[in-house]
C-alpha atoms as a PDB file:
ATOM      1  CA  ASP A   1      39.808  45.837  53.805  1.00  0.00           C
ATOM      2  CA  LEU A   2      39.965  48.042  56.686  1.00  0.00           C
ATOM      3  CA  LEU A   3      36.729  47.989  59.506  1.00  0.00           C
ATOM      4  CA  GLY A   4      36.834  50.802  61.548  1.00  0.00           C
ATOM      5  CA  ILE A   5      39.531  53.319  63.350  1.00  0.00           C
ATOM      6  CA  LEU A   6      38.981  53.431  67.123  1.00  0.00           C
ATOM      7  CA  GLN A   7      39.671  56.068  68.963  1.00  0.00           C
ATOM      8  CA  VAL A   8      41.483  54.943  72.580  1.00  0.00           C
ATOM      9  CA  LEU A   9      42.886  56.968  75.025  1.00  0.00           C
ATOM     10  CA  HIS A  10      40.465  59.635  73.800  1.00  0.00           C
ATOM     11  CA  LYS A  11      41.405  62.419  76.380  1.00  0.00           C
ATOM     12  CA  ASN A  12      38.490  65.019  76.736  1.00  0.00           C
ATOM     13  CA  ASN A  13      39.245  68.500  75.556  1.00  0.00           C
ATOM     14  CA  GLY A  14      42.608  67.426  74.234  1.00  0.00           C
ATOM     15  CA  LYS A  15      43.688  69.450  71.612  1.00  0.00           C
ATOM     16  CA  VAL A  16      46.002  66.482  69.692  1.00  0.00           C
ATOM     17  CA  ASP A  17      43.238  64.376  70.112  1.00  0.00           C
ATOM     18  CA  GLN A  18      41.086  66.101  68.494  1.00  0.00           C
ATOM     19  CA  TYR A  19      43.357  66.941  65.762  1.00  0.00           C
ATOM     20  CA  ILE A  20      44.619  63.777  65.353  1.00  0.00           C
ATOM     21  CA  MET A  21      41.350  62.725  64.761  1.00  0.00           C
ATOM     22  CA  ASP A  22      40.541  65.692  62.530  1.00  0.00           C
ATOM     23  CA  LYS A  23      43.173  64.077  60.356  1.00  0.00           C
ATOM     24  CA  ALA A  24      41.587  60.518  60.237  1.00  0.00           C
ATOM     25  CA  ILE A  25      37.933  61.859  58.997  1.00  0.00           C
ATOM     26  CA  GLU A  26      39.996  63.462  56.571  1.00  0.00           C
ATOM     27  CA  SER A  27      42.316  60.498  55.369  1.00  0.00           C
ATOM     28  CA  PHE A  28      39.878  57.724  55.827  1.00  0.00           C
ATOM     29  CA  ASP A  29      36.532  59.985  55.479  1.00  0.00           C
ATOM     30  CA  GLY A  30      33.909  59.990  58.620  1.00  0.00           C
ATOM     31  CA  ASP A  31      31.785  56.374  58.361  1.00  0.00           C
ATOM     32  CA  ASN A  32      35.418  54.518  58.635  1.00  0.00           C
ATOM     33  CA  ILE A  33      35.411  55.949  61.842  1.00  0.00           C
ATOM     34  CA  PHE A  34      33.879  54.002  64.912  1.00  0.00           C
ATOM     35  CA  ASN A  35      31.389  56.157  66.680  1.00  0.00           C
ATOM     36  CA  THR A  36      32.497  54.432  70.036  1.00  0.00           C
ATOM     37  CA  VAL A  37      35.069  56.077  71.214  1.00  0.00           C
ATOM     38  CA  VAL A  38      37.550  54.723  74.308  1.00  0.00           C
ATOM     39  CA  PRO A  39      38.186  57.608  76.687  1.00  0.00           C
ATOM     40  CA  GLN A  40      41.336  58.240  78.275  1.00  0.00           C
ATOM     41  CA  MET A  41      40.260  55.741  81.761  1.00  0.00           C
ATOM     42  CA  GLU A  42      42.918  55.261  84.632  1.00  0.00           C
ATOM     43  CA  ARG A  43      41.004  51.630  85.531  1.00  0.00           C
ATOM     44  CA  LEU A  44      41.880  50.832  82.315  1.00  0.00           C
ATOM     45  CA  LYS A  45      45.003  51.359  82.137  1.00  0.00           C
ATOM     46  CA  ARG A  46      44.923  49.696  85.540  1.00  0.00           C
ATOM     47  CA  PHE A  47      43.963  46.390  84.094  1.00  0.00           C
ATOM     48  CA  ASP A  48      47.339  45.914  83.213  1.00  0.00           C
ATOM     49  CA  VAL A  49      48.486  45.280  86.710  1.00  0.00           C
ATOM     50  CA  ASN A  50      45.891  44.215  88.427  1.00  0.00           C
ATOM     51  CA  GLY A  51      44.103  42.307  85.627  1.00  0.00           C
ATOM     52  CA  ILE A  52      40.287  42.937  84.645  1.00  0.00           C
ATOM     53  CA  THR A  53      37.624  42.751  87.485  1.00  0.00           C
ATOM     54  CA  ASN A  54      34.082  43.530  87.633  1.00  0.00           C
ATOM     55  CA  LYS A  55      34.554  44.630  90.909  1.00  0.00           C
ATOM     56  CA  ASP A  56      32.998  48.541  91.611  1.00  0.00           C
ATOM     57  CA  LEU A  57      31.914  51.140  88.891  1.00  0.00           C
ATOM     58  CA  HIS A  58      35.172  51.820  87.728  1.00  0.00           C
ATOM     59  CA  ASP A  59      35.481  48.333  86.555  1.00  0.00           C
ATOM     60  CA  LYS A  60      31.887  48.187  85.258  1.00  0.00           C
ATOM     61  CA  LYS A  61      32.262  51.528  83.150  1.00  0.00           C
ATOM     62  CA  VAL A  62      35.228  49.871  81.199  1.00  0.00           C
ATOM     63  CA  ILE A  63      33.660  47.171  80.703  1.00  0.00           C
ATOM     64  CA  THR A  64      30.311  48.802  79.288  1.00  0.00           C
ATOM     65  CA  LYS A  65      32.954  51.038  76.717  1.00  0.00           C
ATOM     66  CA  TYR A  66      34.384  47.817  75.808  1.00  0.00           C
ATOM     67  CA  THR A  67      31.109  46.004  75.631  1.00  0.00           C
ATOM     68  CA  GLU A  68      29.815  49.016  72.876  1.00  0.00           C
ATOM     69  CA  VAL A  69      33.012  48.391  71.013  1.00  0.00           C
ATOM     70  CA  VAL A  70      32.758  44.948  70.768  1.00  0.00           C
ATOM     71  CA  GLN A  71      28.734  45.180  69.038  1.00  0.00           C
ATOM     72  CA  GLU A  72      29.586  48.008  66.832  1.00  0.00           C
ATOM     73  CA  PHE A  73      32.512  45.858  65.789  1.00  0.00           C
ATOM     74  CA  ILE A  74      30.220  42.922  65.167  1.00  0.00           C
ATOM     75  CA  ASP A  75      27.721  45.762  63.093  1.00  0.00           C
ATOM     76  CA  ARG A  76      30.787  46.647  60.884  1.00  0.00           C
ATOM     77  CA  LEU A  77      31.307  43.126  60.682  1.00  0.00           C
ATOM     78  CA  ILE A  78      27.762  42.434  59.337  1.00  0.00           C
ATOM     79  CA  ALA A  79      27.592  45.511  57.059  1.00  0.00           C
ATOM     80  CA  MET A  80      30.388  44.774  55.708  1.00  0.00           C
ATOM     81  CA  GLU A  81      30.557  41.079  54.499  1.00  0.00           C
ATOM     82  CA  GLY A  82      26.697  41.980  53.399  1.00  0.00           C
ATOM     83  CA  GLU A  83      28.347  44.373  50.458  1.00  0.00           C
END
């Protein structure tokens, strides 16, 4: 079973990223694509080096985005179990 496809490190207005997502929607149906998109964020890449922190606005933006991902994941999982 496929819970969904998550767009990660998606560059805003990136032509290649949009092409890939258009192909994914075509191949997997739009309902299988997570609504939440994780954009390209330098802070996210820095977490590998410095660890996950919650010190400033940029940290909070990344953590908020991943909280949205987790909530959508849980919602999709509950919906799948109900089918």
